[in-house]
Amino acid sequence: MARPEASAPDAVLACGEVRTRLLPTRQALDIRAAAQFLALRADERVLVSERPGLYARSPETLTGVDCPLPSANGSRVRAVGTVAARAALTEGRVLQTSAWFRLPPAGPDRRRPWGQYLVRPGTVEPFGRARPEAVAEGVLAGGRHGDLDVGLIADGLLTRLLRHTLLDQRPPLRSRPTRLRWAALPAAPGQGPALERFTLAEDELRTVRLRVPPGTPPDRIAGLCDDLALHDWLLTTVVHLLDGVRLGAPEPSGRPAVVLALRPAVDHLLHLWMPRARVAPELAPLWETLEERPGFTRQWQALVQRIRDQLTLHAVPALYREVEPAP
């Protein structure tokens, strides 16, 4: 029987990182294959859902850490505990790995036995007090060498899964993986959740700074950020796909090139857009900020319509014929 999680004070900070990429296999994994693929632990089952779309999520794994916390003010606060991680597969096609931790307001003066950390999964305790604002900005900035790096843990889980024998390493289209790094601080008393900052950085990195009601479970915050990362990846992938297509290229070579380039998006990506489908109800309002600016769904709908218009035009060759003048 699993040991119950020990009680712990509300966190003053939760941080994490998500890796998102196309699963490198020609055919999407079906429900049984997805469960086999994500079976990271023998003692817990993979969570599988078929509504509103095929979704599978692995059980959580824990990684013990003992290192300084990232900090924007240059302080070196040592912390010990465990980082939680899991993987998810959407429609058997998009793979995500996510790692996160929660930080209580203060920790012990001396190191505890490992067993006491294991009963608080996903909790990293500082020695003494840490400054939540400084740690949040340190995490978002990437920290220094030797600092706690949840991205490395998410990346390690991703590397492990990409070696699975179910994968044939033949993806149906070219795409780039993305990283989303997040930090969530407590909201003021009586205030709801808020998305303070969403940034597109270089090297496919995104950073998100949130405010959430005190006591919000960190796995729910991680679920929200997984959802943001998934839909940001979809937008990024389709934008890059359209950028690489020579729209309006002359016939006869232009027509098949456009159709062949755009068809994978129709076959594998366009049906995946379902914001908030698996976000905790108390955090779902955070999506409204992204819908207002930059307007995730508006941009997605414009891209989808552009793809469909191109395929429609190329399905009617008569529209592209020039009328020859009468002799």
C-alpha atoms as a PDB file:
ATOM      1  CA  MET A   1       0.000   0.000   0.000  1.00  0.00           C
ATOM      2  CA  ALA A   2       1.302   3.468  -0.950  1.00  0.00           C
ATOM      3  CA  ARG A   3       2.232   5.698   1.945  1.00  0.00           C
ATOM      4  CA  PRO A   4      -0.061   8.730   2.345  1.00  0.00           C
ATOM      5  CA  GLU A   5       1.368  12.125   1.528  1.00  0.00           C
ATOM      6  CA  ALA A   6       2.416  13.946   4.681  1.00  0.00           C
ATOM      7  CA  SER A   7       0.726  17.246   5.417  1.00  0.00           C
ATOM      8  CA  ALA A   8       2.712  20.287   4.398  1.00  0.00           C
ATOM      9  CA  PRO A   9       2.140  24.047   4.568  1.00  0.00           C
ATOM     10  CA  ASP A  10       0.795  25.846   1.516  1.00  0.00           C
ATOM     11  CA  ALA A  11       3.470  26.542  -1.027  1.00  0.00           C
ATOM     12  CA  VAL A  12       4.692  30.074  -1.670  1.00  0.00           C
ATOM     13  CA  LEU A  13       5.827  29.046  -5.150  1.00  0.00           C
ATOM     14  CA  ALA A  14       5.344  26.294  -7.725  1.00  0.00           C
ATOM     15  CA  CYS A  15       7.606  25.963 -10.760  1.00  0.00           C
ATOM     16  CA  GLY A  16       7.918  23.611 -13.674  1.00  0.00           C
ATOM     17  CA  GLU A  17       8.833  23.018 -17.292  1.00  0.00           C
ATOM     18  CA  VAL A  18       7.095  21.258 -20.183  1.00  0.00           C
ATOM     19  CA  ARG A  19       8.617  19.653 -23.262  1.00  0.00           C
ATOM     20  CA  THR A  20       6.280  19.276 -26.263  1.00  0.00           C
ATOM     21  CA  ARG A  21       7.004  17.534 -29.558  1.00  0.00           C
ATOM     22  CA  LEU A  22       5.547  15.394 -32.323  1.00  0.00           C
ATOM     23  CA  LEU A  23       5.755  11.685 -31.572  1.00  0.00           C
ATOM     24  CA  PRO A  24       8.321  10.256 -34.016  1.00  0.00           C
ATOM     25  CA  THR A  25       6.185   7.525 -35.536  1.00  0.00           C
ATOM     26  CA  ARG A  26       4.395   7.271 -38.868  1.00  0.00           C
ATOM     27  CA  GLN A  27       1.063   6.226 -37.388  1.00  0.00           C
ATOM     28  CA  ALA A  28      -0.492   7.654 -34.248  1.00  0.00           C
ATOM     29  CA  LEU A  29      -0.563   5.236 -31.319  1.00  0.00           C
ATOM     30  CA  ASP A  30      -3.941   3.736 -30.501  1.00  0.00           C
ATOM     31  CA  ILE A  31      -5.324   3.629 -26.971  1.00  0.00           C
ATOM     32  CA  ARG A  32      -3.667   0.342 -26.003  1.00  0.00           C
ATOM     33  CA  ALA A  33      -0.309   1.279 -27.490  1.00  0.00           C
ATOM     34  CA  ALA A  34      -0.455   4.669 -25.747  1.00  0.00           C
ATOM     35  CA  ALA A  35      -1.001   2.953 -22.386  1.00  0.00           C
ATOM     36  CA  GLN A  36       1.917   0.619 -23.058  1.00  0.00           C
ATOM     37  CA  PHE A  37       4.113   3.507 -24.144  1.00  0.00           C
ATOM     38  CA  LEU A  38       3.469   5.533 -20.982  1.00  0.00           C
ATOM     39  CA  ALA A  39       3.735   2.692 -18.456  1.00  0.00           C
ATOM     40  CA  LEU A  40       6.540   4.279 -16.454  1.00  0.00           C
ATOM     41  CA  ARG A  41       5.754   2.453 -13.202  1.00  0.00           C
ATOM     42  CA  ALA A  42       4.574  -1.087 -12.523  1.00  0.00           C
ATOM     43  CA  ASP A  43       2.630  -0.086  -9.399  1.00  0.00           C
ATOM     44  CA  GLU A  44       0.372   2.526 -11.049  1.00  0.00           C
ATOM     45  CA  ARG A  45      -1.771   2.438 -14.165  1.00  0.00           C
ATOM     46  CA  VAL A  46      -1.723   4.888 -17.046  1.00  0.00           C
ATOM     47  CA  LEU A  47      -4.666   7.300 -17.037  1.00  0.00           C
ATOM     48  CA  VAL A  48      -6.580   6.979 -20.327  1.00  0.00           C
ATOM     49  CA  SER A  49      -9.446   9.118 -21.607  1.00  0.00           C
ATOM     50  CA  GLU A  50     -11.335   8.986 -24.910  1.00  0.00           C
ATOM     51  CA  ARG A  51     -13.495  12.098 -24.441  1.00  0.00           C
ATOM     52  CA  PRO A  52     -13.312  14.762 -25.767  1.00  0.00           C
ATOM     53  CA  GLY A  53     -10.302  13.207 -27.527  1.00  0.00           C
ATOM     54  CA  LEU A  54      -7.823  10.405 -27.050  1.00  0.00           C
ATOM     55  CA  TYR A  55      -5.539  11.284 -24.150  1.00  0.00           C
ATOM     56  CA  ALA A  56      -3.175   9.178 -22.044  1.00  0.00           C
ATOM     57  CA  ARG A  57      -1.102  10.276 -19.042  1.00  0.00           C
ATOM     58  CA  SER A  58       1.598   8.371 -17.222  1.00  0.00           C
ATOM     59  CA  PRO A  59       1.806   7.982 -13.453  1.00  0.00           C
ATOM     60  CA  GLU A  60       4.088  10.439 -11.707  1.00  0.00           C
ATOM     61  CA  THR A  61       7.731   9.673 -11.117  1.00  0.00           C
ATOM     62  CA  LEU A  62       9.922  11.314  -8.476  1.00  0.00           C
ATOM     63  CA  THR A  63      13.507  12.547  -8.735  1.00  0.00           C
ATOM     64  CA  GLY A  64      15.435  13.394  -5.591  1.00  0.00           C
ATOM     65  CA  VAL A  65      17.317  16.698  -5.643  1.00  0.00           C
ATOM     66  CA  ASP A  66      19.817  18.373  -3.311  1.00  0.00           C
ATOM     67  CA  CYS A  67      21.161  21.600  -4.816  1.00  0.00           C
ATOM     68  CA  PRO A  68      20.824  25.409  -4.744  1.00  0.00           C
ATOM     69  CA  LEU A  69      17.604  27.038  -5.915  1.00  0.00           C
ATOM     70  CA  PRO A  70      17.761  29.371  -8.927  1.00  0.00           C
ATOM     71  CA  SER A  71      17.563  32.979  -7.807  1.00  0.00           C
ATOM     72  CA  ALA A  72      17.452  36.309  -9.593  1.00  0.00           C
ATOM     73  CA  ASN A  73      19.147  38.126  -6.701  1.00  0.00           C
ATOM     74  CA  GLY A  74      22.257  35.936  -6.676  1.00  0.00           C
ATOM     75  CA  SER A  75      21.525  34.189  -3.387  1.00  0.00           C
ATOM     76  CA  ARG A  76      22.476  30.514  -2.970  1.00  0.00           C
ATOM     77  CA  VAL A  77      19.761  28.812  -0.945  1.00  0.00           C
ATOM     78  CA  ARG A  78      20.186  25.059  -0.750  1.00  0.00           C
ATOM     79  CA  ALA A  79      17.040  22.944  -1.096  1.00  0.00           C
ATOM     80  CA  VAL A  80      16.319  19.238  -0.784  1.00  0.00           C
ATOM     81  CA  GLY A  81      13.297  17.229  -1.837  1.00  0.00           C
ATOM     82  CA  THR A  82      11.693  15.581  -4.852  1.00  0.00           C
ATOM     83  CA  VAL A  83      10.641  16.839  -8.281  1.00  0.00           C
ATOM     84  CA  ALA A  84       7.540  15.223  -9.768  1.00  0.00           C
ATOM     85  CA  ALA A  85       7.383  14.368 -13.471  1.00  0.00           C
ATOM     86  CA  ARG A  86       4.952  12.743 -15.864  1.00  0.00           C
ATOM     87  CA  ALA A  87       4.322  12.287 -19.586  1.00  0.00           C
ATOM     88  CA  ALA A  88       1.180  12.671 -21.677  1.00  0.00           C
ATOM     89  CA  LEU A  89       0.151  11.718 -25.196  1.00  0.00           C
ATOM     90  CA  THR A  90      -2.604  13.590 -27.057  1.00  0.00           C
ATOM     91  CA  GLU A  91      -4.446  11.704 -29.817  1.00  0.00           C
ATOM     92  CA  GLY A  92      -1.511   9.301 -29.937  1.00  0.00           C
ATOM     93  CA  ARG A  93       0.415  11.977 -31.793  1.00  0.00           C
ATOM     94  CA  VAL A  94       1.774  14.803 -29.552  1.00  0.00           C
ATOM     95  CA  LEU A  95       4.080  13.849 -26.687  1.00  0.00           C
ATOM     96  CA  GLN A  96       4.642  16.023 -23.620  1.00  0.00           C
ATOM     97  CA  THR A  97       6.851  15.539 -20.596  1.00  0.00           C
ATOM     98  CA  SER A  98       6.427  17.796 -17.594  1.00  0.00           C
ATOM     99  CA  ALA A  99       8.357  18.252 -14.334  1.00  0.00           C
ATOM    100  CA  TRP A 100       7.502  20.512 -11.395  1.00  0.00           C
ATOM    101  CA  PHE A 101       7.975  21.209  -7.696  1.00  0.00           C
ATOM    102  CA  ARG A 102       6.351  23.219  -4.907  1.00  0.00           C
ATOM    103  CA  LEU A 103       8.305  25.346  -2.453  1.00  0.00           C
ATOM    104  CA  PRO A 104       7.016  25.841   1.127  1.00  0.00           C
ATOM    105  CA  PRO A 105       7.680  29.160   2.883  1.00  0.00           C
ATOM    106  CA  ALA A 106      10.492  27.717   5.019  1.00  0.00           C
ATOM    107  CA  GLY A 107      12.305  24.490   5.687  1.00  0.00           C
ATOM    108  CA  PRO A 108      14.334  22.831   8.426  1.00  0.00           C
ATOM    109  CA  ASP A 109      17.749  23.937   9.623  1.00  0.00           C
ATOM    110  CA  ARG A 110      19.235  20.546   8.868  1.00  0.00           C
ATOM    111  CA  ARG A 111      18.720  17.849   6.275  1.00  0.00           C
ATOM    112  CA  ARG A 112      15.985  15.282   6.938  1.00  0.00           C
ATOM    113  CA  PRO A 113      16.253  11.532   6.158  1.00  0.00           C
ATOM    114  CA  TRP A 114      15.208  10.790   2.549  1.00  0.00           C
ATOM    115  CA  GLY A 115      12.130   8.936   3.706  1.00  0.00           C
ATOM    116  CA  GLN A 116      10.616  12.163   5.013  1.00  0.00           C
ATOM    117  CA  TYR A 117      11.042  13.833   1.633  1.00  0.00           C
ATOM    118  CA  LEU A 118       9.509  10.900  -0.243  1.00  0.00           C
ATOM    119  CA  VAL A 119       6.206  11.223   1.622  1.00  0.00           C
ATOM    120  CA  ARG A 120       5.935  14.818   0.304  1.00  0.00           C
ATOM    121  CA  PRO A 121       6.161  14.147  -3.447  1.00  0.00           C
ATOM    122  CA  GLY A 122       6.937  17.163  -5.588  1.00  0.00           C
ATOM    123  CA  THR A 123       8.024  19.269  -2.605  1.00  0.00           C
ATOM    124  CA  VAL A 124      11.451  20.893  -2.388  1.00  0.00           C
ATOM    125  CA  GLU A 125      12.315  22.360   1.029  1.00  0.00           C
ATOM    126  CA  PRO A 126      14.784  25.227   1.421  1.00  0.00           C
ATOM    127  CA  PHE A 127      17.216  25.377   4.311  1.00  0.00           C
ATOM    128  CA  GLY A 128      15.765  28.351   6.130  1.00  0.00           C
ATOM    129  CA  ARG A 129      13.768  30.847   4.062  1.00  0.00           C
ATOM    130  CA  ALA A 130      13.887  31.512   0.334  1.00  0.00           C
ATOM    131  CA  ARG A 131      12.577  34.614  -1.447  1.00  0.00           C
ATOM    132  CA  PRO A 132       9.731  33.379  -3.706  1.00  0.00           C
ATOM    133  CA  GLU A 133       9.910  36.297  -6.158  1.00  0.00           C
ATOM    134  CA  ALA A 134      13.663  35.877  -6.621  1.00  0.00           C
ATOM    135  CA  VAL A 135      13.363  32.099  -7.057  1.00  0.00           C
ATOM    136  CA  ALA A 136      10.502  32.501  -9.568  1.00  0.00           C
ATOM    137  CA  GLU A 137      12.511  34.900 -11.727  1.00  0.00           C
ATOM    138  CA  GLY A 138      15.576  32.700 -11.374  1.00  0.00           C
ATOM    139  CA  VAL A 139      13.640  29.683 -12.625  1.00  0.00           C
ATOM    140  CA  LEU A 140      12.185  31.600 -15.582  1.00  0.00           C
ATOM    141  CA  ALA A 141      15.633  32.936 -16.490  1.00  0.00           C
ATOM    142  CA  GLY A 142      17.121  29.438 -16.450  1.00  0.00           C
ATOM    143  CA  GLY A 143      19.294  29.672 -13.334  1.00  0.00           C
ATOM    144  CA  ARG A 144      23.011  29.008 -13.142  1.00  0.00           C
ATOM    145  CA  HIS A 145      25.044  25.866 -13.605  1.00  0.00           C
ATOM    146  CA  GLY A 146      24.416  23.554 -10.675  1.00  0.00           C
ATOM    147  CA  ASP A 147      21.077  25.111  -9.692  1.00  0.00           C
ATOM    148  CA  LEU A 148      17.898  23.063  -9.581  1.00  0.00           C
ATOM    149  CA  ASP A 149      16.810  22.584 -13.211  1.00  0.00           C
ATOM    150  CA  VAL A 150      13.405  20.964 -13.698  1.00  0.00           C
ATOM    151  CA  GLY A 151      13.874  21.224 -17.458  1.00  0.00           C
ATOM    152  CA  LEU A 152      16.656  18.640 -17.296  1.00  0.00           C
ATOM    153  CA  ILE A 153      14.313  16.247 -15.502  1.00  0.00           C
ATOM    154  CA  ALA A 154      11.562  16.760 -18.097  1.00  0.00           C
ATOM    155  CA  ASP A 155      14.142  16.314 -20.849  1.00  0.00           C
ATOM    156  CA  GLY A 156      15.477  13.131 -19.263  1.00  0.00           C
ATOM    157  CA  LEU A 157      12.002  11.615 -19.214  1.00  0.00           C
ATOM    158  CA  LEU A 158      11.496  12.665 -22.838  1.00  0.00           C
ATOM    159  CA  THR A 159      14.767  11.006 -23.878  1.00  0.00           C
ATOM    160  CA  ARG A 160      13.744   7.815 -22.101  1.00  0.00           C
ATOM    161  CA  LEU A 161      10.400   7.666 -23.929  1.00  0.00           C
ATOM    162  CA  LEU A 162      11.878   8.443 -27.351  1.00  0.00           C
ATOM    163  CA  ARG A 163      13.887   5.209 -27.096  1.00  0.00           C
ATOM    164  CA  HIS A 164      10.724   3.103 -26.825  1.00  0.00           C
ATOM    165  CA  THR A 165      10.463   0.193 -29.234  1.00  0.00           C
ATOM    166  CA  LEU A 166       6.960   1.254 -30.336  1.00  0.00           C
ATOM    167  CA  LEU A 167       8.430   4.231 -32.195  1.00  0.00           C
ATOM    168  CA  ASP A 168       9.605   3.778 -35.787  1.00  0.00           C
ATOM    169  CA  GLN A 169      11.310   7.236 -35.880  1.00  0.00           C
ATOM    170  CA  ARG A 170       9.359   8.202 -39.028  1.00  0.00           C
ATOM    171  CA  PRO A 171       7.264  11.278 -38.203  1.00  0.00           C
ATOM    172  CA  PRO A 172       4.706  12.306 -40.838  1.00  0.00           C
ATOM    173  CA  LEU A 173       5.872  15.934 -40.923  1.00  0.00           C
ATOM    174  CA  ARG A 174       8.723  18.144 -39.839  1.00  0.00           C
ATOM    175  CA  SER A 175       8.309  20.050 -36.605  1.00  0.00           C
ATOM    176  CA  ARG A 176      10.330  21.578 -33.814  1.00  0.00           C
ATOM    177  CA  PRO A 177      10.031  20.737 -30.115  1.00  0.00           C
ATOM    178  CA  THR A 178       9.166  23.554 -27.735  1.00  0.00           C
ATOM    179  CA  ARG A 179       9.844  24.264 -24.052  1.00  0.00           C
ATOM    180  CA  LEU A 180       7.498  26.072 -21.716  1.00  0.00           C
ATOM    181  CA  ARG A 181       8.922  27.177 -18.366  1.00  0.00           C
ATOM    182  CA  TRP A 182       6.488  28.381 -15.700  1.00  0.00           C
ATOM    183  CA  ALA A 183       6.360  29.843 -12.208  1.00  0.00           C
ATOM    184  CA  ALA A 184       3.232  30.342 -10.107  1.00  0.00           C
ATOM    185  CA  LEU A 185       3.109  32.641  -7.077  1.00  0.00           C
ATOM    186  CA  PRO A 186       0.178  32.999  -4.645  1.00  0.00           C
ATOM    187  CA  ALA A 187      -2.551  35.450  -5.547  1.00  0.00           C
ATOM    188  CA  ALA A 188      -3.595  38.123  -3.058  1.00  0.00           C
ATOM    189  CA  PRO A 189      -6.348  37.123  -0.615  1.00  0.00           C
ATOM    190  CA  GLY A 190      -9.702  37.058  -2.358  1.00  0.00           C
ATOM    191  CA  GLN A 191      -8.154  37.301  -5.828  1.00  0.00           C
ATOM    192  CA  GLY A 192      -8.587  34.704  -8.554  1.00  0.00           C
ATOM    193  CA  PRO A 193      -5.886  33.261 -10.818  1.00  0.00           C
ATOM    194  CA  ALA A 194      -4.051  35.606 -13.176  1.00  0.00           C
ATOM    195  CA  LEU A 195      -1.620  35.199 -16.048  1.00  0.00           C
ATOM    196  CA  GLU A 196       0.904  37.976 -15.439  1.00  0.00           C
ATOM    197  CA  ARG A 197       3.280  37.265 -18.306  1.00  0.00           C
ATOM    198  CA  PHE A 198       3.562  35.012 -21.354  1.00  0.00           C
ATOM    199  CA  THR A 199       6.796  35.393 -23.293  1.00  0.00           C
ATOM    200  CA  LEU A 200       8.073  33.883 -26.530  1.00  0.00           C
ATOM    201  CA  ALA A 201      11.835  33.620 -26.138  1.00  0.00           C
ATOM    202  CA  GLU A 202      14.505  32.356 -28.518  1.00  0.00           C
ATOM    203  CA  ASP A 203      15.283  28.682 -29.166  1.00  0.00           C
ATOM    204  CA  GLU A 204      11.591  27.703 -28.989  1.00  0.00           C
ATOM    205  CA  LEU A 205      11.404  28.678 -25.286  1.00  0.00           C
ATOM    206  CA  ARG A 206       8.289  30.137 -23.711  1.00  0.00           C
ATOM    207  CA  THR A 207       7.997  31.472 -20.174  1.00  0.00           C
ATOM    208  CA  VAL A 208       4.818  31.901 -18.149  1.00  0.00           C
ATOM    209  CA  ARG A 209       4.380  33.707 -14.839  1.00  0.00           C
ATOM    210  CA  LEU A 210       1.138  33.061 -12.965  1.00  0.00           C
ATOM    211  CA  ARG A 211      -0.753  33.992  -9.826  1.00  0.00           C
ATOM    212  CA  VAL A 212      -2.942  31.273  -8.351  1.00  0.00           C
ATOM    213  CA  PRO A 213      -5.089  31.066  -5.198  1.00  0.00           C
ATOM    214  CA  PRO A 214      -3.120  29.760  -2.190  1.00  0.00           C
ATOM    215  CA  GLY A 215      -3.458  26.008  -1.779  1.00  0.00           C
ATOM    216  CA  THR A 216      -3.887  25.292  -5.512  1.00  0.00           C
ATOM    217  CA  PRO A 217      -2.413  21.794  -6.085  1.00  0.00           C
ATOM    218  CA  PRO A 218       0.762  22.050  -8.183  1.00  0.00           C
ATOM    219  CA  ASP A 219      -0.270  19.146 -10.429  1.00  0.00           C
ATOM    220  CA  ARG A 220      -3.300  21.207 -11.488  1.00  0.00           C
ATOM    221  CA  ILE A 221      -1.068  24.161 -12.314  1.00  0.00           C
ATOM    222  CA  ALA A 222       1.139  21.769 -14.266  1.00  0.00           C
ATOM    223  CA  GLY A 223      -1.965  20.549 -16.118  1.00  0.00           C
ATOM    224  CA  LEU A 224      -2.837  24.097 -17.117  1.00  0.00           C
ATOM    225  CA  CYS A 225       0.712  24.701 -18.367  1.00  0.00           C
ATOM    226  CA  ASP A 226       0.680  21.413 -20.278  1.00  0.00           C
ATOM    227  CA  ASP A 227      -2.457  22.660 -22.039  1.00  0.00           C
ATOM    228  CA  LEU A 228      -0.862  26.030 -22.831  1.00  0.00           C
ATOM    229  CA  ALA A 229       2.266  24.285 -24.116  1.00  0.00           C
ATOM    230  CA  LEU A 230       0.261  21.907 -26.316  1.00  0.00           C
ATOM    231  CA  HIS A 231      -1.692  24.662 -28.038  1.00  0.00           C
ATOM    232  CA  ASP A 232       1.330  26.937 -28.376  1.00  0.00           C
ATOM    233  CA  TRP A 233       3.153  24.024 -30.044  1.00  0.00           C
ATOM    234  CA  LEU A 234       0.246  23.479 -32.441  1.00  0.00           C
ATOM    235  CA  LEU A 235       0.266  27.164 -33.414  1.00  0.00           C
ATOM    236  CA  THR A 236       4.037  27.218 -33.816  1.00  0.00           C
ATOM    237  CA  THR A 237       4.077  24.044 -35.916  1.00  0.00           C
ATOM    238  CA  VAL A 238       1.341  25.143 -38.313  1.00  0.00           C
ATOM    239  CA  VAL A 239       2.869  28.621 -38.704  1.00  0.00           C
ATOM    240  CA  HIS A 240       6.230  27.060 -39.625  1.00  0.00           C
ATOM    241  CA  LEU A 241       4.495  24.616 -41.957  1.00  0.00           C
ATOM    242  CA  LEU A 242       2.806  27.426 -43.877  1.00  0.00           C
ATOM    243  CA  ASP A 243       6.006  29.473 -43.941  1.00  0.00           C
ATOM    244  CA  GLY A 244       7.733  26.623 -45.758  1.00  0.00           C
ATOM    245  CA  VAL A 245       5.080  26.259 -48.461  1.00  0.00           C
ATOM    246  CA  ARG A 246       5.339  28.128 -51.765  1.00  0.00           C
ATOM    247  CA  LEU A 247       1.761  29.301 -52.024  1.00  0.00           C
ATOM    248  CA  GLY A 248       0.839  30.447 -55.505  1.00  0.00           C
ATOM    249  CA  ALA A 249       3.701  28.535 -57.141  1.00  0.00           C
ATOM    250  CA  PRO A 250       3.179  28.035 -60.877  1.00  0.00           C
ATOM    251  CA  GLU A 251       1.688  24.830 -62.266  1.00  0.00           C
ATOM    252  CA  PRO A 252       2.313  21.982 -62.766  1.00  0.00           C
ATOM    253  CA  SER A 253       4.903  21.607 -59.976  1.00  0.00           C
ATOM    254  CA  GLY A 254       3.273  24.080 -57.623  1.00  0.00           C
ATOM    255  CA  ARG A 255      -0.044  22.325 -57.125  1.00  0.00           C
ATOM    256  CA  PRO A 256       1.096  18.929 -55.850  1.00  0.00           C
ATOM    257  CA  ALA A 257       3.821  20.536 -53.738  1.00  0.00           C
ATOM    258  CA  VAL A 258       1.277  22.634 -51.847  1.00  0.00           C
ATOM    259  CA  VAL A 259      -1.127  19.736 -51.349  1.00  0.00           C
ATOM    260  CA  LEU A 260       1.595  17.375 -50.183  1.00  0.00           C
ATOM    261  CA  ALA A 261       2.956  19.984 -47.764  1.00  0.00           C
ATOM    262  CA  LEU A 262      -0.416  20.873 -46.220  1.00  0.00           C
ATOM    263  CA  ARG A 263      -2.038  17.448 -46.065  1.00  0.00           C
ATOM    264  CA  PRO A 264      -0.082  16.298 -42.950  1.00  0.00           C
ATOM    265  CA  ALA A 265      -1.504  19.236 -41.012  1.00  0.00           C
ATOM    266  CA  VAL A 266      -5.021  18.144 -41.934  1.00  0.00           C
ATOM    267  CA  ASP A 267      -4.348  14.490 -41.170  1.00  0.00           C
ATOM    268  CA  HIS A 268      -2.513  14.909 -37.876  1.00  0.00           C
ATOM    269  CA  LEU A 269      -2.929  18.379 -36.333  1.00  0.00           C
ATOM    270  CA  LEU A 270      -6.072  20.354 -37.129  1.00  0.00           C
ATOM    271  CA  HIS A 271      -8.392  18.220 -34.984  1.00  0.00           C
ATOM    272  CA  LEU A 272      -6.232  18.622 -31.849  1.00  0.00           C
ATOM    273  CA  TRP A 273      -7.310  22.174 -30.967  1.00  0.00           C
ATOM    274  CA  MET A 274      -9.326  21.894 -27.724  1.00  0.00           C
ATOM    275  CA  PRO A 275      -8.258  24.593 -25.234  1.00  0.00           C
ATOM    276  CA  ARG A 276      -9.187  23.964 -21.576  1.00  0.00           C
ATOM    277  CA  ALA A 277     -10.409  20.438 -22.283  1.00  0.00           C
ATOM    278  CA  ARG A 278      -8.416  19.075 -19.338  1.00  0.00           C
ATOM    279  CA  VAL A 279      -7.748  22.162 -17.239  1.00  0.00           C
ATOM    280  CA  ALA A 280      -9.022  22.346 -13.656  1.00  0.00           C
ATOM    281  CA  PRO A 281     -12.157  24.547 -13.533  1.00  0.00           C
ATOM    282  CA  GLU A 282     -10.631  27.022 -11.080  1.00  0.00           C
ATOM    283  CA  LEU A 283      -7.728  27.673 -13.482  1.00  0.00           C
ATOM    284  CA  ALA A 284      -9.650  27.661 -16.777  1.00  0.00           C
ATOM    285  CA  PRO A 285     -10.255  31.467 -16.676  1.00  0.00           C
ATOM    286  CA  LEU A 286      -6.518  31.972 -17.286  1.00  0.00           C
ATOM    287  CA  TRP A 287      -7.126  30.959 -20.901  1.00  0.00           C
ATOM    288  CA  GLU A 288      -9.261  34.056 -21.387  1.00  0.00           C
ATOM    289  CA  THR A 289      -6.146  36.222 -21.158  1.00  0.00           C
ATOM    290  CA  LEU A 290      -4.504  34.351 -24.017  1.00  0.00           C
ATOM    291  CA  GLU A 291      -7.698  34.513 -26.053  1.00  0.00           C
ATOM    292  CA  GLU A 292      -7.760  38.301 -25.709  1.00  0.00           C
ATOM    293  CA  ARG A 293      -4.079  38.891 -26.417  1.00  0.00           C
ATOM    294  CA  PRO A 294      -2.325  37.489 -28.424  1.00  0.00           C
ATOM    295  CA  GLY A 295      -5.552  35.668 -29.406  1.00  0.00           C
ATOM    296  CA  PHE A 296      -4.616  31.995 -29.615  1.00  0.00           C
ATOM    297  CA  THR A 297      -7.891  30.706 -31.048  1.00  0.00           C
ATOM    298  CA  ARG A 298      -8.301  33.624 -33.488  1.00  0.00           C
ATOM    299  CA  GLN A 299      -4.861  32.928 -34.906  1.00  0.00           C
ATOM    300  CA  TRP A 300      -5.539  29.192 -35.061  1.00  0.00           C
ATOM    301  CA  GLN A 301      -8.840  29.677 -36.888  1.00  0.00           C
ATOM    302  CA  ALA A 302      -7.165  31.982 -39.396  1.00  0.00           C
ATOM    303  CA  LEU A 303      -4.431  29.406 -40.046  1.00  0.00           C
ATOM    304  CA  VAL A 304      -6.938  26.573 -40.418  1.00  0.00           C
ATOM    305  CA  GLN A 305      -9.036  28.603 -42.836  1.00  0.00           C
ATOM    306  CA  ARG A 306      -5.954  29.460 -44.865  1.00  0.00           C
ATOM    307  CA  ILE A 307      -5.025  25.788 -45.160  1.00  0.00           C
ATOM    308  CA  ARG A 308      -8.544  24.793 -46.159  1.00  0.00           C
ATOM    309  CA  ASP A 309      -8.750  27.580 -48.713  1.00  0.00           C
ATOM    310  CA  GLN A 310      -5.511  26.454 -50.330  1.00  0.00           C
ATOM    311  CA  LEU A 311      -6.642  22.825 -50.501  1.00  0.00           C
ATOM    312  CA  THR A 312      -9.995  23.892 -51.944  1.00  0.00           C
ATOM    313  CA  LEU A 313      -8.340  26.008 -54.633  1.00  0.00           C
ATOM    314  CA  HIS A 314      -6.029  23.200 -55.638  1.00  0.00           C
ATOM    315  CA  ALA A 315      -8.916  20.741 -55.725  1.00  0.00           C
ATOM    316  CA  VAL A 316     -10.557  22.754 -58.505  1.00  0.00           C
ATOM    317  CA  PRO A 317      -8.006  22.897 -61.344  1.00  0.00           C
ATOM    318  CA  ALA A 318     -10.418  24.848 -63.538  1.00  0.00           C
ATOM    319  CA  LEU A 319      -9.957  27.887 -61.337  1.00  0.00           C
ATOM    320  CA  TYR A 320      -6.271  27.973 -62.233  1.00  0.00           C
ATOM    321  CA  ARG A 321      -6.681  27.636 -66.018  1.00  0.00           C
ATOM    322  CA  GLU A 322      -6.038  30.682 -68.063  1.00  0.00           C
ATOM    323  CA  VAL A 323      -8.634  31.326 -70.731  1.00  0.00           C
ATOM    324  CA  GLU A 324      -6.904  31.353 -74.092  1.00  0.00           C
ATOM    325  CA  PRO A 325      -7.998  34.164 -76.424  1.00  0.00           C
ATOM    326  CA  ALA A 326     -10.140  33.143 -79.380  1.00  0.00           C
ATOM    327  CA  PRO A 327      -8.230  32.946 -82.655  1.00  0.00           C
END
